[in-house]
Amino acid sequence: MAKVILTDREVALIKGLIQHKALNDQQALAIFSFLERNFNHREIGGIRKGTSPRYRAIAAASKIDVDALLYQYSKISSLAEQLGFYETSYVVAQVRKSVEIFKTAVLIYNNNILFTRSETFVVLSIIAWTYLLHARLTDQGVAPVYRNPDGTTIMIDGQEKLWELSYCIERTESGLSAGEKANLKYLIAIRNAIEHRSSEDINEAIQAKIQANALNFLRYARENFGNKYDFSHDLSFTIQLQALTLKSPNVLKGAIPVAKTVAAVNALLEAPMSSAEFNDPAYAFRVYVVPKVTNNLKKADQAVIYSPVGSDVEVAIKHVERPKFRMKESIKKLEDDYGLIVTSYEFQQAWKLNDLKSAAKGLAIELGGQWFWYQEGIDKIKEIVTA
């Protein structure tokens, strides 16, 4: 077998792994050595120590390049598990199945031809999350099974009765945030509401919750079980054949009545929520694309401006996140921020006489059948009542 000569890129990446990830020689060797491409670990030591002029002259790869390499390598690790190269644990098998089910849910949801894509996503997502939380709880030493008062396992049809998702999310060992719990409770309520009785289109009404659920799942799987379960690069954007323009029907979607089943769930779960809970992106992730030429970000919770390749779009999204407040909370802010006492009647008269809920003004927004005020809207109310 001919001696393996490492390329400059490989040398740079090995240096980067040592510098940024503190990998030892054997760990770095495992990434670049396999079957027909086998070389001695002393070569890694030579790169680490810079024993040759060539190795010394090559700069270490950046952390971004190293992270990209490890992400791709994690896919090899995941594939090795699936192909049976080594025996996997019950937890690993549960996580792998969970991810496969969730990827299926996303693929189906991205098929705009399907009228019931949201219902299908909700059902599959709940199954996937149940597998994932069972794996997490088991990994934490908690058996997710129901027990009798004497401690014996409850059996159904010869099998242990496992905890359903609604029970799992309440366990502290699950490690879920308040927003993630609220999002899962919402999807469970939607699942219960649509079973056997819904014929309405709910796709637009729960889109923000589905988006948040997908982001939550991805983060949870990755942070609890490793990058090998990060499938963010495996699923691409769906193709949009209808242009997003101001004259497009896309901008009129907000006028579509909310399905009765969804409205019922919204009223039940969102009415008691505080503004912080309602605005938590882990509960509902709402992104609106607005034309840059307007120079007006007031019309969206979050705005995405298409930027050159390499720009940090995530920072741009976070920068324009805008809190929203119910009328009662808005009145409280007027008192706390400005020392201004305003009654509910005065508040209502101010916005009604000045048409402040007009969508064109971007001062308030209706979500789930309820109105929320932006800070700009509250400030406008202040101007009116103090004029």
Protein backbone atom coordinates (compact mmCIF):
# COMPACT_ATOMS: atom_id res chain seq x y z
CA MET A 1 0.00 0.00 0.00
CA ALA A 2 1.40 3.37 -1.05
CA LYS A 3 2.18 5.87 1.69
CA VAL A 4 -0.63 8.33 2.30
CA ILE A 5 0.36 11.95 1.66
CA LEU A 6 -1.91 14.37 3.47
CA THR A 7 -3.06 17.38 1.47
CA ASP A 8 -2.52 20.94 2.70
CA ARG A 9 -6.24 21.18 3.51
CA GLU A 10 -6.12 18.01 5.61
CA VAL A 11 -3.07 19.26 7.49
CA ALA A 12 -4.84 22.58 8.14
CA LEU A 13 -7.93 20.78 9.41
CA ILE A 14 -5.90 18.48 11.67
CA LYS A 15 -4.16 21.54 13.11
CA GLY A 16 -7.57 23.15 13.58
CA LEU A 17 -8.93 20.10 15.39
CA ILE A 18 -5.97 20.18 17.76
CA GLN A 19 -6.13 23.95 18.27
CA HIS A 20 -9.88 24.55 18.50
CA LYS A 21 -11.17 21.20 19.81
CA ALA A 22 -8.15 19.89 21.78
CA LEU A 23 -8.38 16.49 20.07
CA ASN A 24 -5.60 14.04 20.83
CA ASP A 25 -3.60 12.29 18.12
CA GLN A 26 -5.76 9.15 18.10
CA GLN A 27 -9.00 11.14 17.82
CA ALA A 28 -7.70 13.20 14.90
CA LEU A 29 -6.34 10.08 13.22
CA ALA A 30 -9.74 8.37 13.43
CA ILE A 31 -11.33 11.11 11.31
CA PHE A 32 -8.85 10.91 8.43
CA SER A 33 -7.87 7.22 8.48
CA PHE A 34 -10.02 4.36 7.18
CA LEU A 35 -9.51 0.97 5.45
CA GLU A 36 -7.59 1.73 2.22
CA ARG A 37 -6.47 5.07 3.59
CA ASN A 38 -4.51 4.07 6.65
CA PHE A 39 -1.55 6.00 8.01
CA ASN A 40 0.44 5.99 11.23
CA HIS A 41 -0.62 8.15 14.15
CA ARG A 42 2.96 9.46 14.30
CA GLU A 43 2.03 11.60 11.29
CA ILE A 44 -0.51 13.42 13.47
CA GLY A 45 2.18 13.93 16.10
CA GLY A 46 4.43 15.41 13.45
CA ILE A 47 1.72 17.90 12.47
CA ARG A 48 1.14 18.80 16.12
CA LYS A 49 4.84 19.37 16.77
CA GLY A 50 5.63 20.88 13.34
CA THR A 51 8.47 18.45 12.69
CA SER A 52 8.67 19.31 8.98
CA PRO A 53 8.95 22.71 7.26
CA ARG A 54 5.81 21.92 5.23
CA TYR A 55 3.70 21.26 8.31
CA ARG A 56 5.00 24.37 10.04
CA ALA A 57 4.14 26.54 7.03
CA ILE A 58 0.47 25.48 6.90
CA ALA A 59 -1.88 27.55 9.07
CA ALA A 60 -4.57 25.89 11.18
CA ALA A 61 -8.08 25.85 9.72
CA SER A 62 -10.61 28.26 11.20
CA LYS A 63 -13.08 27.19 13.86
CA ILE A 64 -15.89 27.53 11.29
CA ASP A 65 -14.15 25.10 8.94
CA VAL A 66 -13.46 22.69 11.80
CA ASP A 67 -17.09 22.79 12.94
CA ALA A 68 -18.23 22.10 9.36
CA LEU A 69 -15.88 19.09 9.18
CA LEU A 70 -17.14 17.67 12.48
CA TYR A 71 -20.74 18.16 11.39
CA GLN A 72 -20.12 16.11 8.25
CA TYR A 73 -18.17 13.52 10.24
CA SER A 74 -21.07 13.15 12.66
CA LYS A 75 -23.16 11.92 9.73
CA ILE A 76 -20.62 9.13 9.18
CA SER A 77 -20.93 8.21 12.86
CA SER A 78 -24.71 8.15 12.60
CA LEU A 79 -24.59 6.01 9.45
CA ALA A 80 -22.21 3.57 11.14
CA GLU A 81 -24.80 3.11 13.89
CA GLN A 82 -27.56 2.42 11.39
CA LEU A 83 -25.43 -0.05 9.42
CA GLY A 84 -24.65 -2.02 12.57
CA PHE A 85 -20.90 -1.37 12.79
CA TYR A 86 -21.30 -1.46 16.56
CA GLU A 87 -24.10 -2.23 18.96
CA THR A 88 -26.14 0.78 20.03
CA SER A 89 -28.02 1.38 23.26
CA TYR A 90 -31.77 1.60 23.75
CA VAL A 91 -31.48 5.36 24.17
CA VAL A 92 -29.58 5.80 20.91
CA ALA A 93 -32.12 3.64 19.05
CA GLN A 94 -34.96 5.77 20.47
CA VAL A 95 -33.30 9.03 19.44
CA ARG A 96 -32.53 7.77 15.95
CA LYS A 97 -36.13 6.65 15.43
CA SER A 98 -37.38 9.96 16.84
CA VAL A 99 -35.29 11.98 14.39
CA GLU A 100 -36.41 9.86 11.42
CA ILE A 101 -40.07 10.36 12.33
CA PHE A 102 -39.60 14.10 12.76
CA LYS A 103 -37.77 14.43 9.44
CA THR A 104 -40.74 12.66 7.84
CA ALA A 105 -43.06 15.18 9.50
CA VAL A 106 -41.07 18.09 8.07
CA LEU A 107 -40.95 16.57 4.58
CA ILE A 108 -44.71 16.10 4.59
CA TYR A 109 -45.34 19.60 5.94
CA ASN A 110 -43.18 21.09 3.20
CA ASN A 111 -45.45 19.51 0.58
CA ASN A 112 -47.82 22.39 -0.14
CA ILE A 113 -50.04 20.17 -2.27
CA LEU A 114 -51.32 18.37 0.83
CA PHE A 115 -54.36 19.98 2.44
CA THR A 116 -53.83 18.11 5.72
CA ARG A 117 -50.08 18.64 5.99
CA SER A 118 -50.39 20.47 9.33
CA GLU A 119 -52.52 17.74 10.89
CA THR A 120 -50.02 15.13 9.70
CA PHE A 121 -47.10 17.13 11.05
CA VAL A 122 -48.77 17.53 14.45
CA VAL A 123 -49.44 13.79 14.82
CA LEU A 124 -45.94 12.74 13.70
CA SER A 125 -44.28 15.47 15.76
CA ILE A 126 -46.02 14.26 18.93
CA ILE A 127 -44.83 10.70 18.24
CA ALA A 128 -41.29 11.92 17.58
CA TRP A 129 -41.19 14.09 20.71
CA THR A 130 -42.51 11.18 22.79
CA TYR A 131 -39.64 8.94 21.61
CA LEU A 132 -37.15 11.75 22.19
CA LEU A 133 -38.32 12.54 25.72
CA HIS A 134 -38.45 8.85 26.62
CA ALA A 135 -34.80 8.66 25.53
CA ARG A 136 -33.90 11.76 27.54
CA LEU A 137 -35.67 10.52 30.68
CA THR A 138 -34.10 7.06 30.38
CA ASP A 139 -30.71 8.70 29.94
CA GLN A 140 -31.40 10.63 33.16
CA GLY A 141 -32.15 7.41 35.02
CA VAL A 142 -35.93 7.83 34.97
CA ALA A 143 -37.99 4.94 33.60
CA PRO A 144 -40.94 6.54 31.73
CA VAL A 145 -43.47 3.88 32.77
CA TYR A 146 -46.64 4.03 34.86
CA ARG A 147 -46.56 2.14 38.14
CA ASN A 148 -49.11 0.84 40.59
CA PRO A 149 -49.18 2.16 44.18
CA ASP A 150 -47.07 -0.87 45.23
CA GLY A 151 -44.37 0.05 42.72
CA THR A 152 -45.09 -2.68 40.19
CA THR A 153 -45.30 -1.75 36.53
CA ILE A 154 -48.72 -1.23 34.97
CA MET A 155 -49.09 -3.58 32.02
CA ILE A 156 -51.38 -3.22 28.98
CA ASP A 157 -51.67 -6.06 26.47
CA GLY A 158 -48.56 -7.62 27.92
CA GLN A 159 -46.44 -4.47 27.63
CA GLU A 160 -45.44 -1.73 30.02
CA LYS A 161 -47.69 1.31 29.93
CA LEU A 162 -45.38 4.19 28.95
CA TRP A 163 -45.86 7.85 29.78
CA GLU A 164 -47.59 9.89 27.12
CA LEU A 165 -46.04 13.17 25.96
CA SER A 166 -48.23 15.40 28.14
CA TYR A 167 -46.88 13.62 31.23
CA CYS A 168 -43.25 13.60 30.06
CA ILE A 169 -43.05 17.35 29.49
CA GLU A 170 -43.97 18.07 33.12
CA ARG A 171 -41.00 16.14 34.48
CA THR A 172 -38.09 18.37 35.49
CA GLU A 173 -35.70 15.76 34.08
CA SER A 174 -37.00 16.56 30.60
CA GLY A 175 -35.04 19.81 30.65
CA LEU A 176 -37.63 21.67 28.58
CA SER A 177 -37.97 25.44 28.74
CA ALA A 178 -41.30 27.10 29.55
CA GLY A 179 -41.73 28.10 25.91
CA GLU A 180 -41.01 24.57 24.67
CA LYS A 181 -43.53 23.13 27.12
CA ALA A 182 -46.17 25.66 26.04
CA ASN A 183 -45.55 24.84 22.39
CA LEU A 184 -45.92 21.10 22.96
CA LYS A 185 -49.08 21.60 25.04
CA TYR A 186 -50.49 23.65 22.16
CA LEU A 187 -49.78 20.93 19.59
CA ILE A 188 -51.24 18.26 21.88
CA ALA A 189 -54.39 20.38 22.25
CA ILE A 190 -54.59 20.82 18.47
CA ARG A 191 -54.16 17.07 18.00
CA ASN A 192 -57.01 16.42 20.43
CA ALA A 193 -59.20 19.07 18.77
CA ILE A 194 -58.78 17.82 15.21
CA GLU A 195 -59.24 14.11 15.88
CA HIS A 196 -62.25 12.86 13.89
CA ARG A 197 -63.95 16.24 13.74
CA SER A 198 -62.02 18.86 11.75
CA SER A 199 -62.49 19.56 8.04
CA GLU A 200 -61.17 23.14 8.05
CA ASP A 201 -57.86 24.40 6.70
CA ILE A 202 -55.59 25.01 9.69
CA ASN A 203 -52.29 25.37 7.83
CA GLU A 204 -51.88 29.14 8.15
CA ALA A 205 -53.35 29.37 11.64
CA ILE A 206 -50.75 27.17 13.34
CA GLN A 207 -47.75 27.78 11.09
CA ALA A 208 -45.86 29.80 13.73
CA LYS A 209 -46.28 27.02 16.30
CA ILE A 210 -45.08 24.38 13.85
CA GLN A 211 -42.01 26.45 12.97
CA ALA A 212 -41.15 26.86 16.65
CA ASN A 213 -41.72 23.16 17.27
CA ALA A 214 -39.27 22.20 14.52
CA LEU A 215 -36.58 24.57 15.82
CA ASN A 216 -37.13 23.33 19.37
CA PHE A 217 -36.83 19.68 18.32
CA LEU A 218 -33.63 20.29 16.39
CA ARG A 219 -32.02 22.14 19.29
CA TYR A 220 -33.16 19.61 21.87
CA ALA A 221 -31.89 16.57 19.92
CA ARG A 222 -28.57 18.23 19.12
CA GLU A 223 -27.84 19.58 22.60
CA ASN A 224 -28.89 16.45 24.48
CA PHE A 225 -27.60 13.73 22.16
CA GLY A 226 -24.94 15.28 19.92
CA ASN A 227 -24.39 16.86 16.51
CA LYS A 228 -24.96 13.54 14.75
CA TYR A 229 -28.68 14.23 15.18
CA ASP A 230 -28.48 17.73 13.68
CA PHE A 231 -30.44 17.44 10.43
CA SER A 232 -30.66 21.18 9.74
CA HIS A 233 -28.61 20.82 6.55
CA ASP A 234 -30.49 17.75 5.31
CA LEU A 235 -33.77 19.55 4.63
CA SER A 236 -33.75 22.50 2.25
CA PHE A 237 -36.24 25.29 1.62
CA THR A 238 -39.31 24.39 -0.38
CA ILE A 239 -39.54 25.94 -3.84
CA GLN A 240 -41.77 29.03 -3.94
CA LEU A 241 -43.35 29.33 -7.38
CA GLN A 242 -45.52 32.33 -6.50
CA ALA A 243 -43.57 35.57 -6.16
CA LEU A 244 -43.74 37.34 -2.81
CA THR A 245 -44.87 40.81 -3.88
CA LEU A 246 -47.10 43.45 -2.40
CA LYS A 247 -49.76 42.52 -4.97
CA SER A 248 -49.46 38.82 -4.22
CA PRO A 249 -52.24 36.92 -2.43
CA ASN A 250 -49.55 36.02 0.14
CA VAL A 251 -50.02 39.36 1.86
CA LEU A 252 -53.74 38.75 2.27
CA LYS A 253 -53.43 35.58 4.34
CA GLY A 254 -54.02 37.43 7.57
CA ALA A 255 -57.60 38.08 6.49
CA ILE A 256 -58.47 34.37 6.35
CA PRO A 257 -60.76 33.41 9.27
CA VAL A 258 -59.11 31.17 11.85
CA ALA A 259 -60.44 27.61 11.86
CA LYS A 260 -62.92 27.02 14.69
CA THR A 261 -60.88 24.18 16.18
CA VAL A 262 -57.76 26.36 16.26
CA ALA A 263 -59.64 29.37 17.62
CA ALA A 264 -60.96 27.23 20.47
CA VAL A 265 -57.45 26.08 21.38
CA ASN A 266 -56.13 29.65 21.12
CA ALA A 267 -58.81 30.92 23.47
CA LEU A 268 -58.16 28.13 25.97
CA LEU A 269 -54.36 28.24 26.07
CA GLU A 270 -53.39 31.78 25.07
CA ALA A 271 -55.89 33.83 27.07
CA PRO A 272 -54.09 33.24 30.41
CA MET A 273 -50.62 33.83 28.92
CA SER A 274 -48.52 36.85 29.77
CA SER A 275 -46.94 38.88 26.95
CA ALA A 276 -43.56 37.30 27.70
CA GLU A 277 -45.01 33.80 27.41
CA PHE A 278 -46.92 34.64 24.23
CA ASN A 279 -43.89 36.31 22.63
CA ASP A 280 -41.48 33.49 23.48
CA PRO A 281 -40.09 32.26 20.12
CA ALA A 282 -39.97 28.75 21.58
CA TYR A 283 -43.77 28.92 21.78
CA ALA A 284 -44.45 30.45 18.36
CA PHE A 285 -41.84 31.54 15.84
CA ARG A 286 -43.25 34.15 13.48
CA VAL A 287 -41.15 35.48 10.62
CA TYR A 288 -42.48 37.88 8.00
CA VAL A 289 -40.59 38.84 4.87
CA VAL A 290 -40.91 42.57 4.12
CA PRO A 291 -39.52 44.56 1.18
CA LYS A 292 -36.38 46.46 2.14
CA VAL A 293 -37.50 49.46 0.08
CA THR A 294 -40.19 50.25 2.65
CA ASN A 295 -37.59 50.97 5.36
CA ASN A 296 -40.37 50.09 7.80
CA LEU A 297 -39.98 47.11 10.11
CA LYS A 298 -43.03 48.01 12.17
CA LYS A 299 -45.30 45.73 10.17
CA ALA A 300 -43.70 42.47 11.31
CA ASP A 301 -42.72 40.67 14.48
CA GLN A 302 -39.52 39.73 12.71
CA ALA A 303 -38.22 40.82 9.32
CA VAL A 304 -35.81 39.08 7.01
CA ILE A 305 -33.92 41.31 4.60
CA TYR A 306 -32.12 39.36 1.92
CA SER A 307 -28.43 40.06 2.43
CA PRO A 308 -25.20 39.09 0.63
CA VAL A 309 -23.80 35.60 1.20
CA GLY A 310 -21.80 35.54 4.40
CA SER A 311 -23.88 38.09 6.28
CA ASP A 312 -25.29 37.16 9.67
CA VAL A 313 -29.02 36.92 8.93
CA GLU A 314 -29.75 35.38 12.33
CA VAL A 315 -28.59 38.57 14.05
CA ALA A 316 -30.78 40.63 11.72
CA ILE A 317 -33.82 38.54 12.67
CA LYS A 318 -33.23 38.91 16.38
CA HIS A 319 -32.62 42.63 16.07
CA VAL A 320 -36.15 43.43 14.90
CA GLU A 321 -38.04 41.23 17.35
CA ARG A 322 -40.80 43.40 18.81
CA PRO A 323 -42.65 42.74 22.07
CA LYS A 324 -46.44 42.82 22.05
CA PHE A 325 -48.84 43.71 24.88
CA ARG A 326 -52.54 43.15 25.53
CA MET A 327 -54.67 46.21 26.32
CA LYS A 328 -54.53 45.60 30.09
CA GLU A 329 -50.75 45.30 29.97
CA SER A 330 -50.51 48.37 27.74
CA ILE A 331 -52.47 50.42 30.28
CA LYS A 332 -50.13 49.17 33.00
CA LYS A 333 -47.11 50.22 30.92
CA LEU A 334 -48.56 53.71 30.50
CA GLU A 335 -48.72 53.98 34.27
CA ASP A 336 -45.31 52.41 34.97
CA ASP A 337 -43.37 54.13 32.18
CA TYR A 338 -45.05 57.53 32.11
CA GLY A 339 -46.99 57.80 35.37
CA LEU A 340 -50.14 58.16 33.26
CA ILE A 341 -53.47 56.80 34.54
CA VAL A 342 -55.66 55.73 31.60
CA THR A 343 -58.96 53.87 31.93
CA SER A 344 -59.98 51.05 29.61
CA TYR A 345 -62.66 53.33 28.11
CA GLU A 346 -60.14 56.13 27.41
CA PHE A 347 -57.75 53.62 25.84
CA GLN A 348 -60.47 52.20 23.58
CA GLN A 349 -61.73 55.63 22.55
CA ALA A 350 -58.17 56.70 21.66
CA TRP A 351 -57.58 53.87 19.24
CA LYS A 352 -61.12 53.78 17.81
CA LEU A 353 -61.32 57.50 16.99
CA ASN A 354 -57.87 57.45 15.40
CA ASP A 355 -58.09 54.05 13.67
CA LEU A 356 -54.89 52.89 15.38
CA LYS A 357 -55.57 49.23 14.61
CA SER A 358 -55.16 49.85 10.90
CA ALA A 359 -52.64 47.35 9.54
CA ALA A 360 -51.00 50.12 7.51
CA LYS A 361 -49.94 51.91 10.70
CA GLY A 362 -48.18 48.90 12.19
CA LEU A 363 -49.12 49.84 15.77
CA ALA A 364 -51.10 46.73 16.72
CA ILE A 365 -51.66 43.21 15.48
CA GLU A 366 -54.39 40.60 15.83
CA LEU A 367 -53.18 37.11 16.71
CA GLY A 368 -55.42 34.19 17.60
CA GLY A 369 -58.47 36.44 17.73
CA GLN A 370 -56.85 38.81 20.24
CA TRP A 371 -55.31 42.25 19.75
CA PHE A 372 -51.79 43.10 20.86
CA TRP A 373 -50.14 46.53 20.95
CA TYR A 374 -46.57 47.32 20.01
CA GLN A 375 -44.62 49.91 22.02
CA GLU A 376 -45.16 52.39 19.20
CA GLY A 377 -48.92 51.93 19.57
CA ILE A 378 -48.73 52.51 23.32
CA ASP A 379 -46.72 55.68 22.72
CA LYS A 380 -49.33 56.87 20.22
CA ILE A 381 -52.10 56.31 22.77
CA LYS A 382 -50.07 58.40 25.22
CA GLU A 383 -49.82 61.25 22.71
CA ILE A 384 -53.58 61.19 22.11
CA VAL A 385 -54.73 61.11 25.73
CA THR A 386 -52.26 63.84 26.80
CA ALA A 387 -52.91 66.16 23.84
